[in-house]
N, C-alpha and C. Protein backbone atom coordinates (compact mmCIF):
# COMPACT_ATOMS: atom_id res chain seq x y z
N MET A 1 -74.22 -60.36 37.64
CA MET A 1 -73.16 -61.11 38.31
C MET A 1 -73.62 -61.49 39.72
N LYS A 2 -73.38 -62.67 40.09
CA LYS A 2 -73.82 -63.16 41.39
C LYS A 2 -73.05 -62.48 42.51
N ASP A 3 -73.75 -61.99 43.50
CA ASP A 3 -73.12 -61.31 44.64
C ASP A 3 -72.25 -62.28 45.40
N SER A 4 -71.05 -61.82 45.82
CA SER A 4 -70.12 -62.69 46.56
C SER A 4 -70.70 -63.14 47.89
N TYR A 5 -71.71 -62.41 48.41
CA TYR A 5 -72.37 -62.76 49.66
C TYR A 5 -72.86 -64.20 49.61
N PHE A 6 -73.38 -64.61 48.44
CA PHE A 6 -73.98 -65.93 48.33
C PHE A 6 -72.97 -67.02 48.01
N GLN A 7 -71.71 -66.64 47.87
CA GLN A 7 -70.68 -67.62 47.57
C GLN A 7 -69.93 -68.05 48.83
N GLN A 8 -70.31 -67.51 49.98
CA GLN A 8 -69.65 -67.84 51.23
C GLN A 8 -70.36 -69.00 51.92
N SER A 9 -69.63 -69.69 52.80
CA SER A 9 -70.24 -70.78 53.56
C SER A 9 -71.28 -70.21 54.53
N PRO A 10 -72.43 -70.88 54.67
CA PRO A 10 -73.49 -70.35 55.53
C PRO A 10 -73.26 -70.56 57.03
N VAL A 11 -72.40 -71.49 57.39
CA VAL A 11 -72.25 -71.89 58.80
C VAL A 11 -71.06 -71.19 59.46
N SER A 12 -71.31 -70.56 60.60
CA SER A 12 -70.25 -69.89 61.34
C SER A 12 -69.44 -70.90 62.16
N ILE A 13 -68.20 -70.55 62.41
CA ILE A 13 -67.33 -71.36 63.24
C ILE A 13 -66.81 -70.48 64.37
N SER A 14 -66.97 -70.95 65.61
CA SER A 14 -66.56 -70.12 66.75
C SER A 14 -66.06 -70.99 67.89
N LYS A 15 -65.45 -70.31 68.86
CA LYS A 15 -64.98 -70.97 70.08
C LYS A 15 -65.58 -70.25 71.27
N ILE A 16 -66.26 -70.97 72.15
CA ILE A 16 -66.85 -70.37 73.34
C ILE A 16 -65.73 -70.01 74.32
N ILE A 17 -65.68 -68.73 74.70
CA ILE A 17 -64.64 -68.25 75.60
C ILE A 17 -65.15 -68.13 77.03
N ALA A 18 -66.42 -67.75 77.18
CA ALA A 18 -67.01 -67.60 78.52
C ALA A 18 -68.51 -67.80 78.41
N SER A 19 -69.10 -68.28 79.51
CA SER A 19 -70.55 -68.48 79.51
C SER A 19 -71.09 -68.36 80.93
N SER A 20 -72.34 -67.93 81.02
CA SER A 20 -73.04 -67.81 82.29
C SER A 20 -74.53 -67.95 82.03
N GLY A 21 -75.09 -69.09 82.41
CA GLY A 21 -76.50 -69.34 82.16
C GLY A 21 -76.81 -69.30 80.67
N PRO A 22 -77.78 -68.46 80.27
CA PRO A 22 -78.16 -68.40 78.86
C PRO A 22 -77.24 -67.52 78.01
N PHE A 23 -76.23 -66.92 78.66
CA PHE A 23 -75.35 -65.97 77.98
C PHE A 23 -73.99 -66.58 77.73
N GLN A 24 -73.44 -66.33 76.54
CA GLN A 24 -72.10 -66.80 76.26
C GLN A 24 -71.39 -65.85 75.29
N ILE A 25 -70.06 -65.88 75.36
CA ILE A 25 -69.21 -65.05 74.51
C ILE A 25 -68.35 -65.98 73.68
N GLU A 26 -68.31 -65.71 72.38
CA GLU A 26 -67.58 -66.57 71.46
C GLU A 26 -66.55 -65.76 70.65
N LEU A 27 -65.40 -66.36 70.43
CA LEU A 27 -64.42 -65.80 69.51
C LEU A 27 -64.72 -66.40 68.15
N MET A 28 -65.02 -65.54 67.17
CA MET A 28 -65.42 -66.02 65.86
C MET A 28 -64.19 -66.36 65.01
N LYS A 29 -64.15 -67.58 64.56
CA LYS A 29 -63.11 -67.99 63.64
C LYS A 29 -63.55 -67.75 62.20
N TYR A 30 -64.86 -67.83 61.98
CA TYR A 30 -65.42 -67.57 60.66
C TYR A 30 -66.91 -67.25 60.84
N VAL A 31 -67.37 -66.18 60.20
CA VAL A 31 -68.79 -65.84 60.23
C VAL A 31 -69.42 -66.26 58.91
N GLY A 32 -70.38 -67.18 59.02
CA GLY A 32 -71.08 -67.66 57.84
C GLY A 32 -72.24 -66.75 57.47
N THR A 33 -72.75 -66.90 56.28
CA THR A 33 -73.81 -66.03 55.77
C THR A 33 -75.10 -66.14 56.57
N ASP A 34 -75.30 -67.24 57.28
CA ASP A 34 -76.51 -67.37 58.10
C ASP A 34 -76.58 -66.29 59.17
N ASP A 35 -75.43 -65.77 59.58
CA ASP A 35 -75.39 -64.77 60.65
C ASP A 35 -75.24 -63.34 60.13
N TYR A 36 -75.11 -63.17 58.83
CA TYR A 36 -74.90 -61.84 58.28
C TYR A 36 -76.03 -60.87 58.61
N VAL A 37 -77.26 -61.27 58.36
CA VAL A 37 -78.41 -60.37 58.53
C VAL A 37 -78.52 -59.90 59.98
N LYS A 38 -78.33 -60.80 60.92
CA LYS A 38 -78.43 -60.43 62.34
C LYS A 38 -77.34 -59.43 62.71
N LEU A 39 -76.11 -59.68 62.28
CA LEU A 39 -75.01 -58.77 62.59
C LEU A 39 -75.23 -57.40 61.95
N ILE A 40 -75.70 -57.39 60.73
CA ILE A 40 -75.97 -56.12 60.04
C ILE A 40 -77.07 -55.35 60.76
N ASN A 41 -78.12 -56.05 61.18
CA ASN A 41 -79.21 -55.38 61.90
C ASN A 41 -78.73 -54.78 63.22
N ILE A 42 -77.90 -55.51 63.94
CA ILE A 42 -77.36 -55.00 65.20
C ILE A 42 -76.51 -53.76 64.95
N SER A 43 -75.75 -53.77 63.88
CA SER A 43 -74.84 -52.66 63.59
C SER A 43 -75.58 -51.36 63.26
N GLU A 44 -76.83 -51.45 62.87
CA GLU A 44 -77.59 -50.25 62.52
C GLU A 44 -77.70 -49.28 63.69
N SER A 45 -77.66 -49.80 64.91
CA SER A 45 -77.77 -48.93 66.09
C SER A 45 -76.53 -48.06 66.27
N LEU A 46 -75.43 -48.37 65.57
CA LEU A 46 -74.20 -47.60 65.68
C LEU A 46 -74.17 -46.39 64.74
N VAL A 47 -75.05 -46.39 63.74
CA VAL A 47 -74.98 -45.37 62.69
C VAL A 47 -75.19 -43.97 63.24
N ARG A 48 -76.19 -43.79 64.09
CA ARG A 48 -76.48 -42.46 64.62
C ARG A 48 -75.31 -41.90 65.41
N GLU A 49 -74.62 -42.77 66.13
CA GLU A 49 -73.52 -42.34 66.99
C GLU A 49 -72.19 -42.21 66.25
N TYR A 50 -71.93 -43.17 65.34
CA TYR A 50 -70.62 -43.25 64.73
C TYR A 50 -70.60 -43.00 63.22
N GLY A 51 -71.76 -42.78 62.61
CA GLY A 51 -71.81 -42.52 61.18
C GLY A 51 -72.16 -43.76 60.38
N LYS A 52 -72.53 -43.55 59.13
CA LYS A 52 -73.03 -44.65 58.29
C LYS A 52 -71.98 -45.72 58.02
N GLU A 53 -70.69 -45.37 58.16
CA GLU A 53 -69.63 -46.35 57.93
C GLU A 53 -69.64 -47.46 58.99
N ALA A 54 -70.33 -47.20 60.10
CA ALA A 54 -70.37 -48.19 61.18
C ALA A 54 -71.30 -49.35 60.88
N LYS A 55 -72.21 -49.16 59.91
CA LYS A 55 -73.13 -50.25 59.57
C LYS A 55 -72.39 -51.31 58.77
N LEU A 56 -72.52 -52.54 59.22
CA LEU A 56 -71.84 -53.65 58.55
C LEU A 56 -72.48 -53.94 57.19
N THR A 57 -71.68 -54.49 56.31
CA THR A 57 -72.13 -55.00 55.02
C THR A 57 -71.52 -56.39 54.87
N ALA A 58 -71.93 -57.10 53.81
CA ALA A 58 -71.32 -58.41 53.55
C ALA A 58 -69.81 -58.27 53.38
N ASN A 59 -69.38 -57.21 52.71
CA ASN A 59 -67.95 -57.00 52.48
C ASN A 59 -67.20 -56.68 53.76
N THR A 60 -67.76 -55.82 54.62
CA THR A 60 -67.04 -55.47 55.85
C THR A 60 -67.05 -56.62 56.85
N ILE A 61 -68.06 -57.46 56.79
CA ILE A 61 -68.04 -58.67 57.63
C ILE A 61 -66.87 -59.55 57.22
N GLN A 62 -66.66 -59.69 55.92
CA GLN A 62 -65.51 -60.45 55.45
C GLN A 62 -64.20 -59.82 55.91
N THR A 63 -64.14 -58.50 55.86
CA THR A 63 -62.90 -57.80 56.22
C THR A 63 -62.62 -57.83 57.71
N TYR A 64 -63.64 -57.55 58.52
CA TYR A 64 -63.41 -57.36 59.95
C TYR A 64 -63.69 -58.60 60.80
N PHE A 65 -64.49 -59.52 60.31
CA PHE A 65 -64.74 -60.75 61.06
C PHE A 65 -63.92 -61.93 60.53
N ASN A 66 -63.74 -62.00 59.23
CA ASN A 66 -63.17 -63.21 58.64
C ASN A 66 -61.73 -63.07 58.16
N GLN A 67 -61.13 -61.91 58.34
CA GLN A 67 -59.75 -61.75 57.91
C GLN A 67 -58.79 -62.23 58.99
N GLU A 68 -57.75 -62.90 58.58
CA GLU A 68 -56.76 -63.42 59.52
C GLU A 68 -56.14 -62.28 60.33
N GLY A 69 -56.04 -62.49 61.64
CA GLY A 69 -55.44 -61.49 62.51
C GLY A 69 -56.43 -60.66 63.29
N THR A 70 -57.70 -60.63 62.84
CA THR A 70 -58.71 -59.86 63.57
C THR A 70 -59.21 -60.64 64.78
N LEU A 71 -59.78 -59.91 65.74
CA LEU A 71 -60.30 -60.53 66.95
C LEU A 71 -61.77 -60.15 67.13
N PRO A 72 -62.66 -60.87 66.44
CA PRO A 72 -64.09 -60.59 66.57
C PRO A 72 -64.76 -61.50 67.62
N PHE A 73 -65.37 -60.88 68.61
CA PHE A 73 -66.10 -61.62 69.63
C PHE A 73 -67.59 -61.29 69.49
N ILE A 74 -68.43 -62.29 69.64
CA ILE A 74 -69.88 -62.05 69.65
C ILE A 74 -70.46 -62.47 70.99
N ALA A 75 -71.57 -61.85 71.34
CA ALA A 75 -72.30 -62.22 72.55
C ALA A 75 -73.61 -62.89 72.12
N ARG A 76 -73.94 -63.98 72.76
CA ARG A 76 -75.20 -64.67 72.48
C ARG A 76 -76.03 -64.78 73.76
N HIS A 77 -77.33 -64.66 73.59
CA HIS A 77 -78.27 -64.89 74.69
C HIS A 77 -79.33 -65.85 74.18
N GLN A 78 -79.42 -66.99 74.84
CA GLN A 78 -80.34 -68.05 74.40
C GLN A 78 -80.12 -68.36 72.92
N ASN A 79 -78.86 -68.46 72.55
CA ASN A 79 -78.42 -68.84 71.21
C ASN A 79 -78.64 -67.76 70.14
N LYS A 80 -79.07 -66.56 70.54
CA LYS A 80 -79.28 -65.47 69.59
C LYS A 80 -78.17 -64.44 69.75
N ILE A 81 -77.58 -64.01 68.65
CA ILE A 81 -76.54 -62.98 68.70
C ILE A 81 -77.16 -61.67 69.15
N ILE A 82 -76.57 -61.06 70.20
CA ILE A 82 -77.10 -59.80 70.73
C ILE A 82 -76.08 -58.68 70.70
N GLY A 83 -74.85 -58.98 70.28
CA GLY A 83 -73.84 -57.93 70.23
C GLY A 83 -72.50 -58.46 69.78
N TYR A 84 -71.56 -57.54 69.61
CA TYR A 84 -70.22 -57.94 69.20
C TYR A 84 -69.22 -56.85 69.53
N ILE A 85 -67.96 -57.24 69.54
CA ILE A 85 -66.84 -56.31 69.66
C ILE A 85 -65.74 -56.84 68.76
N ILE A 86 -65.12 -55.94 68.01
CA ILE A 86 -64.13 -56.36 67.01
C ILE A 86 -62.81 -55.63 67.22
N GLY A 87 -61.74 -56.39 67.33
CA GLY A 87 -60.41 -55.82 67.39
C GLY A 87 -59.67 -56.10 66.08
N ILE A 88 -58.99 -55.08 65.57
CA ILE A 88 -58.32 -55.21 64.28
C ILE A 88 -56.87 -54.75 64.41
N PRO A 89 -55.91 -55.52 63.91
CA PRO A 89 -54.53 -55.02 63.88
C PRO A 89 -54.48 -53.70 63.13
N LEU A 90 -53.77 -52.74 63.66
CA LEU A 90 -53.73 -51.41 63.07
C LEU A 90 -53.32 -51.45 61.60
N GLU A 91 -52.45 -52.39 61.24
CA GLU A 91 -51.92 -52.44 59.88
C GLU A 91 -52.99 -52.80 58.84
N ILE A 92 -54.06 -53.47 59.26
CA ILE A 92 -55.14 -53.79 58.32
C ILE A 92 -55.84 -52.52 57.85
N LEU A 93 -55.75 -51.47 58.68
CA LEU A 93 -56.40 -50.20 58.35
C LEU A 93 -55.45 -49.26 57.61
N ASN A 94 -54.60 -49.82 56.78
CA ASN A 94 -53.55 -49.01 56.13
C ASN A 94 -54.10 -48.00 55.12
N ARG A 95 -55.36 -48.06 54.80
CA ARG A 95 -55.95 -47.06 53.90
C ARG A 95 -56.40 -45.80 54.66
N GLU A 96 -56.39 -45.89 55.98
CA GLU A 96 -56.82 -44.76 56.80
C GLU A 96 -55.61 -43.90 57.16
N PRO A 97 -55.63 -42.61 56.80
CA PRO A 97 -54.48 -41.73 57.11
C PRO A 97 -54.15 -41.69 58.59
N TRP A 98 -55.17 -41.65 59.46
CA TRP A 98 -54.92 -41.58 60.90
C TRP A 98 -54.21 -42.84 61.40
N ALA A 99 -54.49 -43.99 60.76
CA ALA A 99 -53.83 -45.23 61.17
C ALA A 99 -52.36 -45.21 60.77
N ARG A 100 -52.09 -44.75 59.57
CA ARG A 100 -50.70 -44.70 59.09
C ARG A 100 -49.86 -43.70 59.88
N LEU A 101 -50.52 -42.70 60.46
CA LEU A 101 -49.80 -41.69 61.24
C LEU A 101 -49.54 -42.12 62.68
N ASP A 102 -50.16 -43.22 63.10
CA ASP A 102 -49.92 -43.71 64.45
C ASP A 102 -48.45 -44.09 64.60
N ILE A 103 -47.83 -43.68 65.70
CA ILE A 103 -46.40 -43.93 65.88
C ILE A 103 -46.04 -45.41 65.93
N TYR A 104 -47.03 -46.27 66.23
CA TYR A 104 -46.75 -47.70 66.30
C TYR A 104 -47.19 -48.46 65.06
N PHE A 105 -47.68 -47.74 64.06
CA PHE A 105 -48.09 -48.39 62.81
C PHE A 105 -46.89 -49.12 62.20
N GLY A 106 -47.10 -50.38 61.84
CA GLY A 106 -46.02 -51.18 61.26
C GLY A 106 -45.30 -52.06 62.26
N GLN A 107 -45.51 -51.79 63.56
CA GLN A 107 -44.84 -52.59 64.58
C GLN A 107 -45.65 -53.82 64.99
N LYS A 108 -46.88 -53.89 64.52
CA LYS A 108 -47.76 -55.04 64.78
C LYS A 108 -47.95 -55.30 66.27
N ASN A 109 -48.05 -54.21 67.02
CA ASN A 109 -48.24 -54.34 68.47
C ASN A 109 -49.49 -53.63 68.97
N THR A 110 -50.38 -53.23 68.03
CA THR A 110 -51.55 -52.44 68.40
C THR A 110 -52.82 -53.02 67.80
N ILE A 111 -53.84 -53.14 68.65
CA ILE A 111 -55.17 -53.56 68.20
C ILE A 111 -56.11 -52.37 68.27
N TYR A 112 -56.81 -52.12 67.18
CA TYR A 112 -57.79 -51.04 67.10
C TYR A 112 -59.18 -51.62 67.33
N THR A 113 -59.91 -51.05 68.28
CA THR A 113 -61.29 -51.51 68.54
C THR A 113 -62.21 -50.86 67.52
N TYR A 114 -62.62 -51.64 66.55
CA TYR A 114 -63.39 -51.13 65.43
C TYR A 114 -64.85 -50.86 65.81
N ALA A 115 -65.42 -51.75 66.59
CA ALA A 115 -66.84 -51.58 66.96
C ALA A 115 -67.14 -52.35 68.23
N PHE A 116 -68.08 -51.83 69.00
CA PHE A 116 -68.53 -52.46 70.24
C PHE A 116 -70.00 -52.12 70.42
N VAL A 117 -70.86 -53.14 70.40
CA VAL A 117 -72.29 -52.88 70.47
C VAL A 117 -73.04 -54.05 71.11
N ILE A 118 -74.02 -53.71 71.92
CA ILE A 118 -74.95 -54.69 72.51
C ILE A 118 -76.36 -54.16 72.25
N GLU A 119 -77.28 -55.05 71.90
CA GLU A 119 -78.65 -54.62 71.65
C GLU A 119 -79.22 -53.92 72.89
N LYS A 120 -80.02 -52.91 72.65
CA LYS A 120 -80.52 -52.03 73.70
C LYS A 120 -81.17 -52.76 74.86
N GLU A 121 -81.96 -53.77 74.57
CA GLU A 121 -82.70 -54.48 75.62
C GLU A 121 -81.80 -55.27 76.56
N TYR A 122 -80.52 -55.44 76.18
CA TYR A 122 -79.61 -56.23 77.01
C TYR A 122 -78.52 -55.37 77.66
N LYS A 123 -78.61 -54.06 77.53
CA LYS A 123 -77.54 -53.18 78.02
C LYS A 123 -77.51 -53.03 79.54
N THR A 124 -78.61 -53.31 80.21
CA THR A 124 -78.68 -53.04 81.65
C THR A 124 -78.39 -54.26 82.53
N ASN A 125 -78.08 -55.38 81.92
CA ASN A 125 -77.90 -56.59 82.74
C ASN A 125 -76.45 -57.05 82.85
N GLY A 126 -75.51 -56.20 82.46
CA GLY A 126 -74.10 -56.53 82.63
C GLY A 126 -73.45 -57.27 81.48
N TYR A 127 -74.20 -57.60 80.45
CA TYR A 127 -73.63 -58.36 79.33
C TYR A 127 -72.57 -57.56 78.57
N ALA A 128 -72.80 -56.25 78.43
CA ALA A 128 -71.83 -55.41 77.72
C ALA A 128 -70.49 -55.40 78.47
N LYS A 129 -70.56 -55.26 79.80
CA LYS A 129 -69.33 -55.24 80.60
C LYS A 129 -68.60 -56.57 80.50
N MET A 130 -69.37 -57.67 80.50
CA MET A 130 -68.75 -58.99 80.39
C MET A 130 -68.05 -59.16 79.05
N LEU A 131 -68.70 -58.70 77.99
CA LEU A 131 -68.13 -58.82 76.65
C LEU A 131 -66.83 -58.03 76.55
N LYS A 132 -66.85 -56.80 77.05
CA LYS A 132 -65.66 -55.96 76.98
C LYS A 132 -64.54 -56.53 77.85
N LYS A 133 -64.87 -57.06 79.01
CA LYS A 133 -63.85 -57.62 79.90
C LYS A 133 -63.16 -58.83 79.26
N VAL A 134 -63.95 -59.70 78.65
CA VAL A 134 -63.38 -60.87 77.98
C VAL A 134 -62.46 -60.43 76.84
N TYR A 135 -62.92 -59.45 76.10
CA TYR A 135 -62.14 -58.90 74.98
C TYR A 135 -60.80 -58.34 75.46
N LEU A 136 -60.84 -57.51 76.50
CA LEU A 136 -59.62 -56.90 77.04
C LEU A 136 -58.66 -57.96 77.58
N ASN A 137 -59.18 -58.90 78.32
CA ASN A 137 -58.32 -59.94 78.90
C ASN A 137 -57.68 -60.80 77.82
N TRP A 138 -58.44 -61.05 76.74
CA TRP A 138 -57.89 -61.86 75.65
C TRP A 138 -56.73 -61.13 74.99
N ILE A 139 -56.91 -59.82 74.76
CA ILE A 139 -55.85 -59.02 74.14
C ILE A 139 -54.62 -58.96 75.05
N LYS A 140 -54.84 -58.81 76.35
CA LYS A 140 -53.72 -58.73 77.28
C LYS A 140 -52.84 -59.97 77.23
N LYS A 141 -53.43 -61.09 76.90
CA LYS A 141 -52.69 -62.35 76.88
C LYS A 141 -51.94 -62.59 75.57
N GLN A 142 -52.15 -61.70 74.59
CA GLN A 142 -51.43 -61.83 73.32
C GLN A 142 -50.03 -61.23 73.49
N GLU A 143 -49.03 -62.04 73.38
CA GLU A 143 -47.66 -61.65 73.71
C GLU A 143 -47.18 -60.43 72.92
N HIS A 144 -47.59 -60.32 71.67
CA HIS A 144 -47.06 -59.26 70.82
C HIS A 144 -47.88 -57.97 70.86
N ILE A 145 -49.03 -57.97 71.52
CA ILE A 145 -49.90 -56.79 71.54
C ILE A 145 -49.66 -55.99 72.83
N HIS A 146 -49.32 -54.72 72.67
CA HIS A 146 -49.03 -53.86 73.82
C HIS A 146 -50.00 -52.68 73.94
N PHE A 147 -50.71 -52.38 72.87
CA PHE A 147 -51.60 -51.21 72.89
C PHE A 147 -52.95 -51.53 72.26
N MET A 148 -53.94 -50.82 72.74
CA MET A 148 -55.26 -50.86 72.13
C MET A 148 -55.67 -49.43 71.84
N THR A 149 -56.19 -49.18 70.65
CA THR A 149 -56.62 -47.83 70.29
C THR A 149 -58.07 -47.86 69.84
N GLY A 150 -58.64 -46.66 69.66
CA GLY A 150 -60.01 -46.57 69.18
C GLY A 150 -60.46 -45.13 69.08
N HIS A 151 -61.59 -44.93 68.44
CA HIS A 151 -62.21 -43.61 68.37
C HIS A 151 -63.50 -43.62 69.19
N VAL A 152 -63.64 -42.66 70.08
CA VAL A 152 -64.85 -42.51 70.89
C VAL A 152 -65.20 -41.03 70.96
N LYS A 153 -66.45 -40.73 71.34
CA LYS A 153 -66.84 -39.34 71.48
C LYS A 153 -65.97 -38.65 72.51
N GLN A 154 -65.74 -37.35 72.29
CA GLN A 154 -64.88 -36.57 73.17
C GLN A 154 -65.34 -36.70 74.62
N GLY A 155 -64.41 -37.06 75.49
CA GLY A 155 -64.70 -37.19 76.91
C GLY A 155 -64.97 -38.61 77.38
N ILE A 156 -65.33 -39.50 76.45
CA ILE A 156 -65.67 -40.87 76.83
C ILE A 156 -64.46 -41.61 77.40
N SER A 157 -63.28 -41.38 76.83
CA SER A 157 -62.11 -42.13 77.29
C SER A 157 -61.72 -41.78 78.72
N ASN A 158 -62.26 -40.68 79.25
CA ASN A 158 -62.00 -40.33 80.66
C ASN A 158 -62.57 -41.38 81.61
N ARG A 159 -63.52 -42.13 81.13
CA ARG A 159 -64.16 -43.15 81.96
C ARG A 159 -63.38 -44.46 81.96
N PHE A 160 -62.44 -44.60 81.04
CA PHE A 160 -61.69 -45.84 80.93
C PHE A 160 -60.65 -45.95 82.04
N LYS A 161 -60.41 -47.17 82.46
CA LYS A 161 -59.39 -47.43 83.47
C LYS A 161 -58.05 -47.72 82.78
N GLY A 162 -56.98 -47.50 83.51
CA GLY A 162 -55.66 -47.83 82.99
C GLY A 162 -54.93 -46.63 82.43
N ASN A 163 -53.83 -46.90 81.74
CA ASN A 163 -53.00 -45.85 81.14
C ASN A 163 -53.58 -45.45 79.79
N ILE A 164 -54.29 -44.32 79.77
CA ILE A 164 -54.97 -43.85 78.57
C ILE A 164 -54.35 -42.53 78.11
N ASN A 165 -54.02 -42.43 76.84
CA ASN A 165 -53.54 -41.19 76.26
C ASN A 165 -54.44 -40.78 75.10
N ILE A 166 -54.77 -39.50 75.03
CA ILE A 166 -55.51 -38.99 73.89
C ILE A 166 -54.49 -38.58 72.83
N VAL A 167 -54.52 -39.25 71.70
CA VAL A 167 -53.55 -38.99 70.64
C VAL A 167 -53.93 -37.75 69.85
N ASN A 168 -55.21 -37.66 69.46
CA ASN A 168 -55.69 -36.48 68.75
C ASN A 168 -57.21 -36.42 68.76
N HIS A 169 -57.75 -35.33 68.24
CA HIS A 169 -59.19 -35.15 68.13
C HIS A 169 -59.58 -35.04 66.66
N VAL A 170 -60.75 -35.54 66.35
CA VAL A 170 -61.24 -35.51 64.98
C VAL A 170 -62.57 -34.75 64.95
N GLU A 171 -62.59 -33.65 64.21
CA GLU A 171 -63.82 -32.88 64.06
C GLU A 171 -64.75 -33.59 63.07
N ASN A 172 -66.03 -33.59 63.38
CA ASN A 172 -67.04 -34.14 62.46
C ASN A 172 -66.70 -35.57 62.03
N TRP A 173 -66.53 -36.44 63.00
CA TRP A 173 -66.17 -37.83 62.73
C TRP A 173 -67.23 -38.51 61.85
N GLN A 174 -66.79 -39.06 60.74
CA GLN A 174 -67.65 -39.80 59.81
C GLN A 174 -68.93 -39.05 59.45
N GLY A 175 -68.86 -37.73 59.43
CA GLY A 175 -70.03 -36.94 59.05
C GLY A 175 -71.09 -36.82 60.12
N THR A 176 -70.74 -37.17 61.38
CA THR A 176 -71.72 -37.13 62.47
C THR A 176 -71.90 -35.73 63.05
N GLY A 177 -70.95 -34.81 62.75
CA GLY A 177 -70.99 -33.49 63.34
C GLY A 177 -70.47 -33.46 64.76
N LYS A 178 -69.92 -34.59 65.22
CA LYS A 178 -69.43 -34.70 66.60
C LYS A 178 -67.90 -34.79 66.62
N VAL A 179 -67.34 -34.31 67.73
CA VAL A 179 -65.89 -34.40 67.92
C VAL A 179 -65.57 -35.75 68.57
N PHE A 180 -64.69 -36.49 67.93
CA PHE A 180 -64.25 -37.77 68.48
C PHE A 180 -62.77 -37.66 68.86
N GLU A 181 -62.36 -38.51 69.78
CA GLU A 181 -60.95 -38.55 70.17
C GLU A 181 -60.38 -39.93 69.86
N TYR A 182 -59.15 -39.91 69.41
CA TYR A 182 -58.42 -41.14 69.14
C TYR A 182 -57.54 -41.41 70.36
N TYR A 183 -57.83 -42.50 71.06
CA TYR A 183 -57.12 -42.79 72.31
C TYR A 183 -56.22 -44.01 72.13
N ARG A 184 -55.22 -44.07 73.00
CA ARG A 184 -54.35 -45.23 73.05
C ARG A 184 -54.27 -45.72 74.49
N ARG A 185 -54.49 -47.00 74.69
CA ARG A 185 -54.41 -47.60 76.02
C ARG A 185 -53.24 -48.57 76.05
N GLU A 186 -52.37 -48.40 77.03
CA GLU A 186 -51.32 -49.41 77.26
C GLU A 186 -52.00 -50.52 78.04
N ILE A 187 -52.13 -51.67 77.43
CA ILE A 187 -53.04 -52.66 77.98
C ILE A 187 -52.49 -53.48 79.14
N ASP A 188 -51.18 -53.59 79.25
CA ASP A 188 -50.62 -54.38 80.35
C ASP A 188 -49.34 -53.73 80.85
N PRO A 189 -49.45 -52.50 81.39
CA PRO A 189 -48.25 -51.74 81.78
C PRO A 189 -47.39 -52.43 82.82
N GLU A 190 -47.99 -53.24 83.66
CA GLU A 190 -47.22 -53.91 84.71
C GLU A 190 -46.72 -55.28 84.26
N ARG A 191 -47.01 -55.61 83.00
CA ARG A 191 -46.57 -56.89 82.43
C ARG A 191 -47.00 -58.08 83.28
N ILE A 192 -48.23 -58.03 83.71
CA ILE A 192 -48.78 -59.14 84.49
C ILE A 192 -49.10 -60.32 83.58
N TYR A 193 -49.62 -60.01 82.38
CA TYR A 193 -50.07 -61.05 81.47
C TYR A 193 -48.99 -61.52 80.51
N LYS A 194 -47.93 -60.75 80.35
CA LYS A 194 -46.90 -61.12 79.38
C LYS A 194 -45.53 -60.69 79.89
N LYS A 195 -44.53 -61.27 79.35
CA LYS A 195 -43.16 -60.92 79.72
C LYS A 195 -42.83 -59.55 79.17
N LYS A 196 -41.89 -58.87 79.81
CA LYS A 196 -41.44 -57.59 79.29
C LYS A 196 -40.75 -57.80 77.94
N SER A 197 -41.13 -56.94 77.00
CA SER A 197 -40.55 -57.05 75.65
C SER A 197 -39.37 -56.10 75.53
N LYS A 198 -38.28 -56.60 75.01
CA LYS A 198 -37.09 -55.78 74.81
C LYS A 198 -37.18 -55.05 73.46
N ASN A 199 -38.17 -55.43 72.65
CA ASN A 199 -38.25 -54.87 71.31
C ASN A 199 -39.18 -53.69 71.21
N THR A 200 -39.99 -53.44 72.24
CA THR A 200 -40.97 -52.37 72.17
C THR A 200 -40.63 -51.26 73.15
N LYS A 201 -40.44 -50.10 72.62
CA LYS A 201 -40.17 -48.93 73.44
C LYS A 201 -41.47 -48.17 73.66
N ILE A 202 -41.86 -47.98 74.89
CA ILE A 202 -43.09 -47.28 75.22
C ILE A 202 -42.85 -45.78 75.12
N LEU A 203 -43.55 -45.13 74.18
CA LEU A 203 -43.34 -43.70 73.95
C LEU A 203 -44.35 -42.86 74.72
């Protein structure tokens, strides 16, 4: 049976959100098969830290990059993809017990940061910070999104700015043998980017 990978369009569709010289950040509307191999290769650097589930496949690219509602951003340097960050509505992760247990699950007001990676050779020149900043600012401007969550190694969320709460800890995350923490960030507590919502109660 022919693999579904080869039945997808080869050409990616994106919108440039920010650029500086040879560097640019794009919001992906659709990832074509021409970019699959590069994205999968970049994701391999996440396996040691986050477990084998962090490595992209053709199927997970379809799920996390090409599904309606997700927020996948890529970074390019001289037209070559060097990294990405992906935000996913919590409800898309309904097969994950920890997602269903989140107090805001079902309210469609939370984005989960699924992955964030920049190739090693580009980590020291500020591109990672630029990518994350664009991602955060984009989420802040979404009227219905009030929270961002994610899993990081224990202690990492202490470095984050803003209103951060540790929801719980996970022993041996994805078989890595490491303790990870599930954090929640209130992304716009002062409502600078959006009007105050009467429908969302901050717990």
